[in-house]
Amino acid sequence: MRTWFLCMMTAAISAPAVFGQTSGGSGDEWKFKVAPYLIFPYMDGKAAVRGREVDIDVGAGDIFSHLQMGGMGYFEARKGAWGFGVDAIYMALGTTIDIPPANVDFDQCEFTFMGLRSLNDRVNLTFGARWNIIRGNIEFKGPVLGTVLDEVGDTKQWVDPIVGLQIHQPLGGRWHFGLTADIGGFGAGSDFAWHVFPTIGIDLGKRTRLGFGYRALGMDYDTGSGNTLFRYDVITSGPVVGVAFSF
């Protein structure tokens, strides 16, 4: 419970880079961004808890009915060409599957700690690590409505090294295009992990930007075997809306 609370609080006070992205420069002043936002996600893939495996396929049309709670955020500090950021993601996702009949709940919390290096006016190199916390719970249902035959649950944590890029392209007027993408894992945590986040933003004022985007996160992680197997080979994605504040 304390882990979930920490995830939610961190997501509420931070924000994504692409909604208010600024390229590095030669100035000596510190620049900061804060931009809380929301995601409406769905899941697709395979998951296993204590050796009990299920297929997960929650389509885009089911996003709102299966979203239990979600929050994302990013905080960034930059001075000249260098900077650092902390990205936080919390998603509580639940669905019901037919074969085998089961209720599936996964709470996914991620903290990304990254360094930033400006390559030019529109591109930043990112590097760091993503700390993943996954709590899985599966209730296998009986033939009688409301009965539960078996329930399994587990919580796992692991860290993925990551490397990626941030791209910012003005579109003219008040409009901007942003893209954040990275890959990671490399067998150190996940076998492979990836993240893509394109956005369109519009300036509401000198220091405020409204952004819309679509975020996708994929990871392939497993540990243990037999009755101790925990697997999370899932793509989580969905539309995003948020506001960024620069100061």
C-alpha atoms as a PDB file:
ATOM      1  CA  MET A   1       0.000   0.000   0.000  1.00  0.00           C
ATOM      2  CA  ARG A   2       2.852   2.425   0.787  1.00  0.00           C
ATOM      3  CA  THR A   3       4.396   1.710  -2.640  1.00  0.00           C
ATOM      4  CA  TRP A   4       1.130   2.593  -4.446  1.00  0.00           C
ATOM      5  CA  PHE A   5       0.778   5.795  -2.412  1.00  0.00           C
ATOM      6  CA  LEU A   6       4.353   6.855  -3.249  1.00  0.00           C
ATOM      7  CA  CYS A   7       3.722   6.231  -6.964  1.00  0.00           C
ATOM      8  CA  MET A   8       0.533   8.281  -6.988  1.00  0.00           C
ATOM      9  CA  MET A   9       2.039  11.233  -5.137  1.00  0.00           C
ATOM     10  CA  THR A  10       5.107  11.360  -7.387  1.00  0.00           C
ATOM     11  CA  ALA A  11       2.956  11.272 -10.543  1.00  0.00           C
ATOM     12  CA  ALA A  12       0.797  14.096  -9.237  1.00  0.00           C
ATOM     13  CA  ILE A  13       3.678  16.570  -8.767  1.00  0.00           C
ATOM     14  CA  SER A  14       5.745  15.863 -11.891  1.00  0.00           C
ATOM     15  CA  ALA A  15       5.360  16.040 -15.713  1.00  0.00           C
ATOM     16  CA  PRO A  16       6.389  14.812 -19.208  1.00  0.00           C
ATOM     17  CA  ALA A  17       9.264  16.433 -21.104  1.00  0.00           C
ATOM     18  CA  VAL A  18       7.572  16.522 -24.500  1.00  0.00           C
ATOM     19  CA  PHE A  19       4.695  18.769 -23.386  1.00  0.00           C
ATOM     20  CA  GLY A  20       7.108  21.567 -22.533  1.00  0.00           C
ATOM     21  CA  GLN A  21      10.355  20.492 -24.115  1.00  0.00           C
ATOM     22  CA  THR A  22      13.097  23.084 -24.523  1.00  0.00           C
ATOM     23  CA  SER A  23      16.368  22.465 -26.271  1.00  0.00           C
ATOM     24  CA  GLY A  24      19.628  23.079 -24.463  1.00  0.00           C
ATOM     25  CA  GLY A  25      21.593  26.269 -24.837  1.00  0.00           C
ATOM     26  CA  SER A  26      24.714  28.083 -23.735  1.00  0.00           C
ATOM     27  CA  GLY A  27      23.054  30.083 -20.938  1.00  0.00           C
ATOM     28  CA  ASP A  28      24.049  29.668 -17.299  1.00  0.00           C
ATOM     29  CA  GLU A  29      20.516  29.942 -15.900  1.00  0.00           C
ATOM     30  CA  TRP A  30      18.651  26.935 -14.556  1.00  0.00           C
ATOM     31  CA  LYS A  31      15.397  26.153 -16.378  1.00  0.00           C
ATOM     32  CA  PHE A  32      12.644  23.916 -15.003  1.00  0.00           C
ATOM     33  CA  LYS A  33       9.494  22.195 -16.249  1.00  0.00           C
ATOM     34  CA  VAL A  34       6.524  20.735 -14.396  1.00  0.00           C
ATOM     35  CA  ALA A  35       3.587  19.282 -16.367  1.00  0.00           C
ATOM     36  CA  PRO A  36       1.126  16.827 -14.771  1.00  0.00           C
ATOM     37  CA  TYR A  37      -1.004  14.837 -17.191  1.00  0.00           C
ATOM     38  CA  LEU A  38      -3.315  11.827 -17.533  1.00  0.00           C
ATOM     39  CA  ILE A  39      -3.275   8.615 -19.573  1.00  0.00           C
ATOM     40  CA  PHE A  40      -6.228   6.397 -20.529  1.00  0.00           C
ATOM     41  CA  PRO A  41      -4.446   3.075 -21.121  1.00  0.00           C
ATOM     42  CA  TYR A  42      -5.085  -0.461 -22.260  1.00  0.00           C
ATOM     43  CA  MET A  43      -2.984  -3.638 -22.154  1.00  0.00           C
ATOM     44  CA  ASP A  44      -2.033  -6.325 -24.635  1.00  0.00           C
ATOM     45  CA  GLY A  45       0.273  -9.287 -24.000  1.00  0.00           C
ATOM     46  CA  LYS A  46       0.905 -12.155 -21.602  1.00  0.00           C
ATOM     47  CA  ALA A  47       1.255 -12.181 -17.840  1.00  0.00           C
ATOM     48  CA  ALA A  48       1.950 -14.901 -15.290  1.00  0.00           C
ATOM     49  CA  VAL A  49       1.733 -14.835 -11.496  1.00  0.00           C
ATOM     50  CA  ARG A  50       3.119 -17.790  -9.500  1.00  0.00           C
ATOM     51  CA  GLY A  51       3.131 -19.948 -12.626  1.00  0.00           C
ATOM     52  CA  ARG A  52      -0.461 -19.170 -13.632  1.00  0.00           C
ATOM     53  CA  GLU A  53      -0.381 -17.534 -17.081  1.00  0.00           C
ATOM     54  CA  VAL A  54      -3.120 -15.580 -18.866  1.00  0.00           C
ATOM     55  CA  ASP A  55      -3.435 -13.697 -22.169  1.00  0.00           C
ATOM     56  CA  ILE A  56      -4.326 -10.019 -21.841  1.00  0.00           C
ATOM     57  CA  ASP A  57      -6.096  -8.230 -24.697  1.00  0.00           C
ATOM     58  CA  VAL A  58      -8.024  -5.104 -23.743  1.00  0.00           C
ATOM     59  CA  GLY A  59      -8.897  -3.174 -26.934  1.00  0.00           C
ATOM     60  CA  ALA A  60      -8.966   0.597 -27.375  1.00  0.00           C
ATOM     61  CA  GLY A  61     -12.770   0.582 -27.184  1.00  0.00           C
ATOM     62  CA  ASP A  62     -12.578  -0.828 -23.661  1.00  0.00           C
ATOM     63  CA  ILE A  63     -10.139   1.769 -22.284  1.00  0.00           C
ATOM     64  CA  PHE A  64     -12.570   3.633 -20.078  1.00  0.00           C
ATOM     65  CA  SER A  65     -14.323   0.545 -18.720  1.00  0.00           C
ATOM     66  CA  HIS A  66     -11.028  -1.093 -17.693  1.00  0.00           C
ATOM     67  CA  LEU A  67      -9.126   1.934 -16.417  1.00  0.00           C
ATOM     68  CA  GLN A  68      -9.142   1.988 -12.626  1.00  0.00           C
ATOM     69  CA  MET A  69      -6.693   4.833 -12.071  1.00  0.00           C
ATOM     70  CA  GLY A  70      -3.832   6.452 -13.968  1.00  0.00           C
ATOM     71  CA  GLY A  71      -1.391   9.311 -13.632  1.00  0.00           C
ATOM     72  CA  MET A  72       1.868  10.349 -15.275  1.00  0.00           C
ATOM     73  CA  GLY A  73       4.351  13.115 -14.833  1.00  0.00           C
ATOM     74  CA  TYR A  74       7.802  14.493 -15.456  1.00  0.00           C
ATOM     75  CA  PHE A  75      10.067  17.034 -13.779  1.00  0.00           C
ATOM     76  CA  GLU A  76      13.073  18.471 -15.615  1.00  0.00           C
ATOM     77  CA  ALA A  77      15.935  20.779 -14.640  1.00  0.00           C
ATOM     78  CA  ARG A  78      18.410  22.074 -17.207  1.00  0.00           C
ATOM     79  CA  LYS A  79      21.439  24.334 -17.284  1.00  0.00           C
ATOM     80  CA  GLY A  80      23.057  24.954 -20.666  1.00  0.00           C
ATOM     81  CA  ALA A  81      23.392  21.779 -22.732  1.00  0.00           C
ATOM     82  CA  TRP A  82      23.013  19.416 -19.745  1.00  0.00           C
ATOM     83  CA  GLY A  83      20.043  18.494 -17.613  1.00  0.00           C
ATOM     84  CA  PHE A  84      18.266  15.758 -15.717  1.00  0.00           C
ATOM     85  CA  GLY A  85      14.696  14.528 -15.465  1.00  0.00           C
ATOM     86  CA  VAL A  86      12.508  12.255 -13.357  1.00  0.00           C
ATOM     87  CA  ASP A  87       9.517  10.619 -15.036  1.00  0.00           C
ATOM     88  CA  ALA A  88       6.800   8.906 -12.994  1.00  0.00           C
ATOM     89  CA  ILE A  89       4.019   6.618 -14.214  1.00  0.00           C
ATOM     90  CA  TYR A  90       1.233   4.970 -12.227  1.00  0.00           C
ATOM     91  CA  MET A  91      -1.486   2.835 -13.803  1.00  0.00           C
ATOM     92  CA  ALA A  92      -4.005   0.567 -12.134  1.00  0.00           C
ATOM     93  CA  LEU A  93      -5.449  -1.633 -14.867  1.00  0.00           C
ATOM     94  CA  GLY A  94      -8.058  -4.336 -14.555  1.00  0.00           C
ATOM     95  CA  THR A  95      -9.917  -6.565 -16.966  1.00  0.00           C
ATOM     96  CA  THR A  96     -11.975  -9.753 -17.177  1.00  0.00           C
ATOM     97  CA  ILE A  97     -11.003 -12.555 -19.548  1.00  0.00           C
ATOM     98  CA  ASP A  98     -13.095 -15.489 -20.751  1.00  0.00           C
ATOM     99  CA  ILE A  99     -10.492 -18.272 -21.237  1.00  0.00           C
ATOM    100  CA  PRO A 100      -9.757 -19.180 -18.533  1.00  0.00           C
ATOM    101  CA  PRO A 101     -12.496 -17.184 -16.752  1.00  0.00           C
ATOM    102  CA  ALA A 102     -10.599 -14.738 -14.540  1.00  0.00           C
ATOM    103  CA  ASN A 103     -10.343 -11.212 -13.187  1.00  0.00           C
ATOM    104  CA  VAL A 104      -6.902  -9.764 -13.919  1.00  0.00           C
ATOM    105  CA  ASP A 105      -5.507  -6.715 -12.092  1.00  0.00           C
ATOM    106  CA  PHE A 106      -2.067  -5.197 -12.611  1.00  0.00           C
ATOM    107  CA  ASP A 107      -0.759  -2.093 -10.852  1.00  0.00           C
ATOM    108  CA  GLN A 108       2.196  -0.720 -12.827  1.00  0.00           C
ATOM    109  CA  CYS A 109       4.493   1.930 -11.372  1.00  0.00           C
ATOM    110  CA  GLU A 110       7.645   3.212 -13.070  1.00  0.00           C
ATOM    111  CA  PHE A 111      10.250   5.811 -12.143  1.00  0.00           C
ATOM    112  CA  THR A 112      12.661   6.903 -14.873  1.00  0.00           C
ATOM    113  CA  PHE A 113      15.797   8.773 -13.831  1.00  0.00           C
ATOM    114  CA  MET A 114      17.564  10.253 -16.846  1.00  0.00           C
ATOM    115  CA  GLY A 115      20.369  12.553 -17.839  1.00  0.00           C
ATOM    116  CA  LEU A 116      19.885  14.910 -20.804  1.00  0.00           C
ATOM    117  CA  ARG A 117      22.465  16.170 -23.295  1.00  0.00           C
ATOM    118  CA  SER A 118      21.509  18.591 -26.056  1.00  0.00           C
ATOM    119  CA  LEU A 119      22.828  17.450 -29.463  1.00  0.00           C
ATOM    120  CA  ASN A 120      21.397  20.476 -31.303  1.00  0.00           C
ATOM    121  CA  ASP A 121      18.490  22.919 -31.031  1.00  0.00           C
ATOM    122  CA  ARG A 122      15.878  20.198 -31.605  1.00  0.00           C
ATOM    123  CA  VAL A 123      17.368  16.907 -30.331  1.00  0.00           C
ATOM    124  CA  ASN A 124      18.348  15.716 -26.844  1.00  0.00           C
ATOM    125  CA  LEU A 125      20.143  12.484 -25.984  1.00  0.00           C
ATOM    126  CA  THR A 126      18.661  10.741 -22.925  1.00  0.00           C
ATOM    127  CA  PHE A 127      20.300   8.068 -20.761  1.00  0.00           C
ATOM    128  CA  GLY A 128      19.551   6.564 -17.378  1.00  0.00           C
ATOM    129  CA  ALA A 129      17.519   3.838 -15.689  1.00  0.00           C
ATOM    130  CA  ARG A 130      13.848   2.904 -15.261  1.00  0.00           C
ATOM    131  CA  TRP A 131      12.725   1.362 -11.955  1.00  0.00           C
ATOM    132  CA  ASN A 132       9.685  -0.892 -12.486  1.00  0.00           C
ATOM    133  CA  ILE A 133       7.258  -2.014  -9.791  1.00  0.00           C
ATOM    134  CA  ILE A 134       4.532  -4.451 -10.885  1.00  0.00           C
ATOM    135  CA  ARG A 135       1.843  -5.937  -8.655  1.00  0.00           C
ATOM    136  CA  GLY A 136      -0.193  -8.683 -10.301  1.00  0.00           C
ATOM    137  CA  ASN A 137      -3.337 -10.376  -9.028  1.00  0.00           C
ATOM    138  CA  ILE A 138      -5.423 -13.014 -10.845  1.00  0.00           C
ATOM    139  CA  GLU A 139      -8.764 -14.380  -9.616  1.00  0.00           C
ATOM    140  CA  PHE A 140      -9.875 -17.546 -11.406  1.00  0.00           C
ATOM    141  CA  LYS A 141     -13.670 -17.670 -11.468  1.00  0.00           C
ATOM    142  CA  GLY A 142     -15.946 -20.656 -11.069  1.00  0.00           C
ATOM    143  CA  PRO A 143     -19.034 -21.586 -13.123  1.00  0.00           C
ATOM    144  CA  VAL A 144     -21.355 -19.958 -10.588  1.00  0.00           C
ATOM    145  CA  LEU A 145     -21.546 -16.169 -10.917  1.00  0.00           C
ATOM    146  CA  GLY A 146     -19.424 -14.432  -8.280  1.00  0.00           C
ATOM    147  CA  THR A 147     -17.485 -17.484  -7.086  1.00  0.00           C
ATOM    148  CA  VAL A 148     -13.676 -17.537  -7.048  1.00  0.00           C
ATOM    149  CA  LEU A 149     -11.905 -20.886  -7.405  1.00  0.00           C
ATOM    150  CA  ASP A 150      -8.363 -19.643  -6.884  1.00  0.00           C
ATOM    151  CA  GLU A 151      -6.459 -16.397  -6.413  1.00  0.00           C
ATOM    152  CA  VAL A 152      -2.758 -15.701  -6.930  1.00  0.00           C
ATOM    153  CA  GLY A 153      -0.819 -12.486  -6.421  1.00  0.00           C
ATOM    154  CA  ASP A 154       2.765 -11.277  -6.427  1.00  0.00           C
ATOM    155  CA  THR A 155       4.838  -8.084  -6.582  1.00  0.00           C
ATOM    156  CA  LYS A 156       8.149  -7.692  -8.438  1.00  0.00           C
ATOM    157  CA  GLN A 157      10.666  -4.877  -8.824  1.00  0.00           C
ATOM    158  CA  TRP A 158      13.516  -4.508 -11.321  1.00  0.00           C
ATOM    159  CA  VAL A 159      15.657  -1.823 -12.979  1.00  0.00           C
ATOM    160  CA  ASP A 160      16.205  -1.374 -16.741  1.00  0.00           C
ATOM    161  CA  PRO A 161      19.051   0.724 -18.155  1.00  0.00           C
ATOM    162  CA  ILE A 162      17.743   2.930 -20.978  1.00  0.00           C
ATOM    163  CA  VAL A 163      19.015   5.174 -23.777  1.00  0.00           C
ATOM    164  CA  GLY A 164      16.947   7.326 -26.118  1.00  0.00           C
ATOM    165  CA  LEU A 165      16.152  10.649 -27.778  1.00  0.00           C
ATOM    166  CA  GLN A 166      13.848  13.629 -27.309  1.00  0.00           C
ATOM    167  CA  ILE A 167      12.884  15.547 -30.465  1.00  0.00           C
ATOM    168  CA  HIS A 168      11.148  18.933 -30.581  1.00  0.00           C
ATOM    169  CA  GLN A 169       9.946  20.475 -33.861  1.00  0.00           C
ATOM    170  CA  PRO A 170       8.092  23.816 -34.089  1.00  0.00           C
ATOM    171  CA  LEU A 171       5.171  23.596 -36.541  1.00  0.00           C
ATOM    172  CA  GLY A 172       4.562  27.304 -36.959  1.00  0.00           C
ATOM    173  CA  GLY A 173       2.576  29.720 -34.877  1.00  0.00           C
ATOM    174  CA  ARG A 174       1.819  28.337 -31.434  1.00  0.00           C
ATOM    175  CA  TRP A 175       1.996  24.672 -32.483  1.00  0.00           C
ATOM    176  CA  HIS A 176       4.771  22.149 -31.715  1.00  0.00           C
ATOM    177  CA  PHE A 177       5.514  18.492 -32.346  1.00  0.00           C
ATOM    178  CA  GLY A 178       7.395  16.401 -29.776  1.00  0.00           C
ATOM    179  CA  LEU A 179       8.698  12.846 -29.671  1.00  0.00           C
ATOM    180  CA  THR A 180      10.321  10.939 -26.827  1.00  0.00           C
ATOM    181  CA  ALA A 181      11.572   7.397 -27.470  1.00  0.00           C
ATOM    182  CA  ASP A 182      13.936   5.017 -25.700  1.00  0.00           C
ATOM    183  CA  ILE A 183      14.965   1.371 -25.524  1.00  0.00           C
ATOM    184  CA  GLY A 184      16.350  -0.546 -22.575  1.00  0.00           C
ATOM    185  CA  GLY A 185      16.514  -3.656 -20.466  1.00  0.00           C
ATOM    186  CA  PHE A 186      19.208  -5.440 -22.479  1.00  0.00           C
ATOM    187  CA  GLY A 187      18.859  -8.467 -20.186  1.00  0.00           C
ATOM    188  CA  ALA A 188      19.901  -6.521 -17.079  1.00  0.00           C
ATOM    189  CA  GLY A 189      16.245  -6.312 -15.965  1.00  0.00           C
ATOM    190  CA  SER A 190      13.770  -6.853 -18.775  1.00  0.00           C
ATOM    191  CA  ASP A 191      14.947  -8.907 -21.722  1.00  0.00           C
ATOM    192  CA  PHE A 192      13.926  -5.877 -23.782  1.00  0.00           C
ATOM    193  CA  ALA A 193      11.930  -2.721 -23.062  1.00  0.00           C
ATOM    194  CA  TRP A 194      10.835   0.177 -25.269  1.00  0.00           C
ATOM    195  CA  HIS A 195       8.924   3.428 -25.015  1.00  0.00           C
ATOM    196  CA  VAL A 196       7.471   5.795 -27.674  1.00  0.00           C
ATOM    197  CA  PHE A 197       5.602   9.035 -26.913  1.00  0.00           C
ATOM    198  CA  PRO A 198       4.624  11.432 -29.778  1.00  0.00           C
ATOM    199  CA  THR A 199       2.738  14.640 -28.899  1.00  0.00           C
ATOM    200  CA  ILE A 200       1.210  17.754 -30.397  1.00  0.00           C
ATOM    201  CA  GLY A 201       1.329  20.882 -28.224  1.00  0.00           C
ATOM    202  CA  ILE A 202      -0.093  24.382 -28.404  1.00  0.00           C
ATOM    203  CA  ASP A 203       1.224  27.374 -26.434  1.00  0.00           C
ATOM    204  CA  LEU A 204      -1.409  28.857 -24.140  1.00  0.00           C
ATOM    205  CA  GLY A 205       0.964  31.523 -22.895  1.00  0.00           C
ATOM    206  CA  LYS A 206       4.654  32.292 -22.600  1.00  0.00           C
ATOM    207  CA  ARG A 207       5.200  29.595 -19.964  1.00  0.00           C
ATOM    208  CA  THR A 208       2.228  27.261 -20.447  1.00  0.00           C
ATOM    209  CA  ARG A 209       1.583  24.604 -23.082  1.00  0.00           C
ATOM    210  CA  LEU A 210      -1.356  22.246 -23.608  1.00  0.00           C
ATOM    211  CA  GLY A 211      -0.378  18.889 -25.065  1.00  0.00           C
ATOM    212  CA  PHE A 212      -2.080  15.839 -26.581  1.00  0.00           C
ATOM    213  CA  GLY A 213      -0.329  12.585 -27.387  1.00  0.00           C
ATOM    214  CA  TYR A 214      -0.278   8.819 -27.398  1.00  0.00           C
ATOM    215  CA  ARG A 215       2.112   6.872 -25.193  1.00  0.00           C
ATOM    216  CA  ALA A 216       3.172   3.235 -25.599  1.00  0.00           C
ATOM    217  CA  LEU A 217       5.349   1.239 -23.201  1.00  0.00           C
ATOM    218  CA  GLY A 218       6.453  -2.320 -23.826  1.00  0.00           C
ATOM    219  CA  MET A 219       8.478  -4.657 -21.648  1.00  0.00           C
ATOM    220  CA  ASP A 220       9.350  -8.349 -21.651  1.00  0.00           C
ATOM    221  CA  TYR A 221      10.304  -9.417 -18.122  1.00  0.00           C
ATOM    222  CA  ASP A 222      10.216 -12.823 -16.436  1.00  0.00           C
ATOM    223  CA  THR A 223      11.761 -14.434 -13.408  1.00  0.00           C
ATOM    224  CA  GLY A 224      11.448 -17.832 -11.743  1.00  0.00           C
ATOM    225  CA  SER A 225       9.987 -21.006 -13.214  1.00  0.00           C
ATOM    226  CA  GLY A 226       7.202 -23.466 -12.554  1.00  0.00           C
ATOM    227  CA  ASN A 227       5.114 -22.379  -9.569  1.00  0.00           C
ATOM    228  CA  THR A 228       7.382 -19.356  -8.992  1.00  0.00           C
ATOM    229  CA  LEU A 229       7.163 -17.966 -12.539  1.00  0.00           C
ATOM    230  CA  PHE A 230       6.384 -14.247 -12.793  1.00  0.00           C
ATOM    231  CA  ARG A 231       6.049 -12.867 -16.325  1.00  0.00           C
ATOM    232  CA  TYR A 232       5.087  -9.441 -17.607  1.00  0.00           C
ATOM    233  CA  ASP A 233       5.300  -9.356 -21.401  1.00  0.00           C
ATOM    234  CA  VAL A 234       2.817  -6.545 -21.977  1.00  0.00           C
ATOM    235  CA  ILE A 235       2.386  -3.424 -24.105  1.00  0.00           C
ATOM    236  CA  THR A 236       0.556  -0.649 -22.249  1.00  0.00           C
ATOM    237  CA  SER A 237      -0.599   2.278 -24.353  1.00  0.00           C
ATOM    238  CA  GLY A 238      -3.213   4.976 -24.599  1.00  0.00           C
ATOM    239  CA  PRO A 239      -4.070   8.631 -25.304  1.00  0.00           C
ATOM    240  CA  VAL A 240      -2.562  11.324 -23.066  1.00  0.00           C
ATOM    241  CA  VAL A 241      -3.530  14.910 -22.250  1.00  0.00           C
ATOM    242  CA  GLY A 242      -1.611  17.335 -20.060  1.00  0.00           C
ATOM    243  CA  VAL A 243      -0.430  20.873 -19.340  1.00  0.00           C
ATOM    244  CA  ALA A 244       3.232  21.922 -18.998  1.00  0.00           C
ATOM    245  CA  PHE A 245       4.563  24.863 -16.993  1.00  0.00           C
ATOM    246  CA  SER A 246       8.064  26.271 -17.607  1.00  0.00           C
ATOM    247  CA  PHE A 247       9.936  28.588 -15.280  1.00  0.00           C
END
